[in-house]
Every structure is written in structure tokens, then in C-alpha cells.
Amino acid sequence: MVATELLRRITHDPNVMGGRPCLRGMRVTVGTVVGLLGAGRTMEEVLAAYPYLEREDIFAALTFAAWRSQELEVPLQAS
């Protein structure tokens, strides 16, 4: 699955988890998934803890996190 297809799994809704990036509109944030993997959990452990997630959701979370890490914050100048 290509990155653009994976990123379609990431949703932002101000009424779900305060608008943080989530997976397919569910109450599972990208940060939760990436944090679990970063803490040493395996993909299988994450999927067992969240049985409604799919492997592609985990890849989508990693793809989104990688993309965001490359993004630059540019301050806006007053006009």
C-alpha cells in the first residue's frame, strides 16, 4: 500500500480525541500506536490490545509520524 493510501486512514475530528490524528475515526490516536511501538511493543501486541485495528492502520500511523517529523513549523508574520 502506498503512502497516500495509508494516510487516508488518518482522520482529524475536533469531536474525537480533541482533534488529534486518529485511525479511521476511532478513538485510537496515532500517538498511542507510535508510542506503544516506541516502547518496545510488537505489531502483534498492539493488534492484540486493539483488535479492531488492522496492520495497515499501524503502517499508516508510522507513515503519518514520519511525515510530521519532516514538517517545518514556520511562524506567521503580522501583516
N, C-alpha and C. Protein backbone atom coordinates (compact mmCIF):
# COMPACT_ATOMS: atom_id res chain seq x y z
N MET A 1 0.85 -1.17 0.00
CA MET A 1 0.00 0.00 0.00
C MET A 1 0.90 1.24 0.00
N VAL A 2 0.61 2.19 -0.86
CA VAL A 2 1.42 3.40 -0.96
C VAL A 2 1.05 4.40 0.13
N ALA A 3 1.95 5.33 0.38
CA ALA A 3 1.78 6.29 1.47
C ALA A 3 0.47 7.07 1.38
N THR A 4 0.09 7.49 0.18
CA THR A 4 -1.14 8.28 0.08
C THR A 4 -2.37 7.46 0.49
N GLU A 5 -2.36 6.18 0.17
CA GLU A 5 -3.48 5.32 0.59
C GLU A 5 -3.47 5.13 2.10
N LEU A 6 -2.28 4.93 2.66
CA LEU A 6 -2.17 4.76 4.11
C LEU A 6 -2.64 6.01 4.84
N LEU A 7 -2.26 7.17 4.33
CA LEU A 7 -2.60 8.42 5.02
C LEU A 7 -4.10 8.71 5.00
N ARG A 8 -4.84 8.08 4.11
CA ARG A 8 -6.30 8.23 4.11
C ARG A 8 -6.92 7.61 5.36
N ARG A 9 -6.18 6.76 6.03
CA ARG A 9 -6.67 6.13 7.26
C ARG A 9 -6.57 7.07 8.46
N ILE A 10 -5.84 8.16 8.31
CA ILE A 10 -5.67 9.12 9.40
C ILE A 10 -6.78 10.16 9.32
N THR A 11 -7.49 10.34 10.42
CA THR A 11 -8.60 11.28 10.45
C THR A 11 -8.37 12.33 11.54
N HIS A 12 -8.97 13.49 11.33
CA HIS A 12 -8.94 14.57 12.31
C HIS A 12 -10.37 15.05 12.51
N ASP A 13 -10.88 14.92 13.69
CA ASP A 13 -12.23 15.35 14.00
C ASP A 13 -12.18 16.03 15.37
N PRO A 14 -12.56 17.31 15.44
CA PRO A 14 -12.49 18.00 16.72
C PRO A 14 -13.33 17.35 17.81
N ASN A 15 -14.29 16.52 17.42
CA ASN A 15 -15.14 15.85 18.40
C ASN A 15 -14.61 14.48 18.83
N VAL A 16 -13.51 14.06 18.24
CA VAL A 16 -12.91 12.76 18.59
C VAL A 16 -11.49 12.99 19.09
N MET A 17 -11.24 12.66 20.33
CA MET A 17 -9.92 12.77 20.94
C MET A 17 -9.33 14.19 20.79
N GLY A 18 -10.19 15.17 20.89
CA GLY A 18 -9.73 16.56 20.84
C GLY A 18 -9.13 16.98 19.52
N GLY A 19 -9.45 16.26 18.45
CA GLY A 19 -8.93 16.62 17.14
C GLY A 19 -7.56 16.06 16.83
N ARG A 20 -7.01 15.29 17.75
CA ARG A 20 -5.70 14.67 17.47
C ARG A 20 -5.85 13.66 16.34
N PRO A 21 -4.77 13.42 15.59
CA PRO A 21 -4.84 12.45 14.49
C PRO A 21 -5.20 11.06 15.02
N CYS A 22 -6.24 10.48 14.45
CA CYS A 22 -6.73 9.17 14.86
C CYS A 22 -6.74 8.22 13.66
N LEU A 23 -6.97 6.98 13.97
CA LEU A 23 -7.04 5.96 12.93
C LEU A 23 -8.49 5.67 12.59
N ARG A 24 -8.85 5.92 11.34
CA ARG A 24 -10.17 5.63 10.77
C ARG A 24 -11.32 6.11 11.63
N GLY A 25 -11.18 7.28 12.24
CA GLY A 25 -12.26 7.86 13.02
C GLY A 25 -12.47 7.23 14.37
N MET A 26 -11.65 6.27 14.72
CA MET A 26 -11.77 5.61 16.02
C MET A 26 -11.05 6.42 17.08
N ARG A 27 -11.26 6.05 18.31
CA ARG A 27 -10.65 6.75 19.43
C ARG A 27 -9.27 6.17 19.77
N VAL A 28 -8.50 5.91 18.73
CA VAL A 28 -7.12 5.45 18.88
C VAL A 28 -6.25 6.46 18.12
N THR A 29 -5.38 7.13 18.85
CA THR A 29 -4.57 8.17 18.21
C THR A 29 -3.30 7.59 17.59
N VAL A 30 -2.79 8.32 16.64
CA VAL A 30 -1.50 7.99 16.03
C VAL A 30 -0.45 7.93 17.13
N GLY A 31 -0.49 8.89 18.04
CA GLY A 31 0.48 8.95 19.13
C GLY A 31 0.45 7.71 20.01
N THR A 32 -0.72 7.17 20.25
CA THR A 32 -0.83 5.95 21.06
C THR A 32 -0.12 4.80 20.38
N VAL A 33 -0.39 4.61 19.10
CA VAL A 33 0.20 3.49 18.37
C VAL A 33 1.71 3.65 18.25
N VAL A 34 2.16 4.83 17.87
CA VAL A 34 3.60 5.07 17.72
C VAL A 34 4.28 4.95 19.08
N GLY A 35 3.64 5.45 20.12
CA GLY A 35 4.21 5.34 21.46
C GLY A 35 4.37 3.90 21.92
N LEU A 36 3.38 3.08 21.64
CA LEU A 36 3.47 1.66 22.02
C LEU A 36 4.62 0.97 21.29
N LEU A 37 4.74 1.25 19.99
CA LEU A 37 5.84 0.67 19.22
C LEU A 37 7.19 1.18 19.72
N GLY A 38 7.24 2.46 20.03
CA GLY A 38 8.47 3.05 20.55
C GLY A 38 8.86 2.50 21.91
N ALA A 39 7.87 2.06 22.67
CA ALA A 39 8.13 1.48 24.00
C ALA A 39 8.51 0.01 23.91
N GLY A 40 8.57 -0.52 22.69
CA GLY A 40 9.04 -1.88 22.51
C GLY A 40 7.96 -2.91 22.26
N ARG A 41 6.70 -2.48 22.19
CA ARG A 41 5.64 -3.44 21.87
C ARG A 41 5.75 -3.84 20.41
N THR A 42 5.41 -5.08 20.13
CA THR A 42 5.44 -5.55 18.74
C THR A 42 4.12 -5.19 18.06
N MET A 43 4.12 -5.26 16.75
CA MET A 43 2.90 -5.01 15.99
C MET A 43 1.81 -5.98 16.44
N GLU A 44 2.18 -7.22 16.67
CA GLU A 44 1.20 -8.22 17.10
C GLU A 44 0.60 -7.87 18.46
N GLU A 45 1.42 -7.34 19.36
CA GLU A 45 0.93 -6.94 20.68
C GLU A 45 -0.04 -5.76 20.57
N VAL A 46 0.27 -4.82 19.70
CA VAL A 46 -0.63 -3.68 19.50
C VAL A 46 -1.96 -4.16 18.92
N LEU A 47 -1.89 -5.03 17.94
CA LEU A 47 -3.12 -5.55 17.33
C LEU A 47 -3.92 -6.38 18.33
N ALA A 48 -3.28 -7.07 19.23
CA ALA A 48 -3.99 -7.84 20.26
C ALA A 48 -4.66 -6.91 21.26
N ALA A 49 -3.99 -5.80 21.59
CA ALA A 49 -4.56 -4.84 22.54
C ALA A 49 -5.71 -4.05 21.93
N TYR A 50 -5.66 -3.84 20.62
CA TYR A 50 -6.68 -3.10 19.89
C TYR A 50 -7.16 -3.97 18.73
N PRO A 51 -7.99 -4.97 18.99
CA PRO A 51 -8.36 -5.94 17.95
C PRO A 51 -9.11 -5.36 16.76
N TYR A 52 -9.62 -4.16 16.88
CA TYR A 52 -10.34 -3.52 15.78
C TYR A 52 -9.40 -2.80 14.83
N LEU A 53 -8.10 -2.72 15.18
CA LEU A 53 -7.11 -2.14 14.27
C LEU A 53 -6.66 -3.19 13.27
N GLU A 54 -6.17 -2.70 12.15
CA GLU A 54 -5.60 -3.56 11.11
C GLU A 54 -4.12 -3.21 10.94
N ARG A 55 -3.38 -4.15 10.39
CA ARG A 55 -1.94 -3.92 10.18
C ARG A 55 -1.70 -2.62 9.41
N GLU A 56 -2.55 -2.34 8.44
CA GLU A 56 -2.39 -1.12 7.65
C GLU A 56 -2.56 0.13 8.51
N ASP A 57 -3.36 0.04 9.58
CA ASP A 57 -3.50 1.18 10.48
C ASP A 57 -2.18 1.50 11.16
N ILE A 58 -1.46 0.46 11.55
CA ILE A 58 -0.16 0.68 12.19
C ILE A 58 0.83 1.29 11.20
N PHE A 59 0.83 0.78 9.98
CA PHE A 59 1.69 1.37 8.96
C PHE A 59 1.28 2.81 8.67
N ALA A 60 -0.02 3.10 8.70
CA ALA A 60 -0.50 4.46 8.48
C ALA A 60 -0.01 5.38 9.59
N ALA A 61 -0.06 4.92 10.84
CA ALA A 61 0.41 5.73 11.96
C ALA A 61 1.89 6.04 11.82
N LEU A 62 2.67 5.05 11.45
CA LEU A 62 4.11 5.27 11.27
C LEU A 62 4.40 6.20 10.10
N THR A 63 3.65 6.03 9.02
CA THR A 63 3.82 6.91 7.86
C THR A 63 3.49 8.35 8.21
N PHE A 64 2.39 8.55 8.95
CA PHE A 64 1.99 9.89 9.36
C PHE A 64 3.04 10.51 10.28
N ALA A 65 3.52 9.72 11.24
CA ALA A 65 4.53 10.23 12.17
C ALA A 65 5.81 10.62 11.45
N ALA A 66 6.22 9.82 10.48
CA ALA A 66 7.42 10.13 9.71
C ALA A 66 7.22 11.41 8.90
N TRP A 67 6.05 11.54 8.30
CA TRP A 67 5.75 12.75 7.52
C TRP A 67 5.77 13.98 8.42
N ARG A 68 5.13 13.89 9.59
CA ARG A 68 5.08 15.03 10.50
C ARG A 68 6.46 15.40 11.04
N SER A 69 7.32 14.42 11.20
CA SER A 69 8.66 14.72 11.72
C SER A 69 9.49 15.51 10.71
N GLN A 70 9.11 15.46 9.45
CA GLN A 70 9.83 16.19 8.41
C GLN A 70 9.26 17.58 8.17
N GLU A 71 8.09 17.84 8.73
CA GLU A 71 7.41 19.11 8.51
C GLU A 71 8.09 20.22 9.30
N LEU A 72 8.16 21.39 8.73
CA LEU A 72 8.75 22.55 9.39
C LEU A 72 7.65 23.48 9.86
N GLU A 73 7.79 23.98 11.08
CA GLU A 73 6.87 24.98 11.58
C GLU A 73 7.42 26.36 11.20
N VAL A 74 6.62 27.12 10.49
CA VAL A 74 7.04 28.44 10.03
C VAL A 74 6.16 29.47 10.72
N PRO A 75 6.75 30.36 11.53
CA PRO A 75 5.93 31.37 12.20
C PRO A 75 5.34 32.36 11.19
N LEU A 76 4.11 32.72 11.42
CA LEU A 76 3.45 33.71 10.56
C LEU A 76 3.85 35.11 10.99
N GLN A 77 4.06 35.97 10.00
CA GLN A 77 4.40 37.34 10.30
C GLN A 77 3.14 38.18 10.30
N ALA A 78 3.07 39.11 11.23
CA ALA A 78 1.92 40.01 11.28
C ALA A 78 1.92 40.89 10.04
N SER A 79 0.74 41.15 9.51
CA SER A 79 0.67 42.00 8.32
C SER A 79 0.24 43.39 8.65
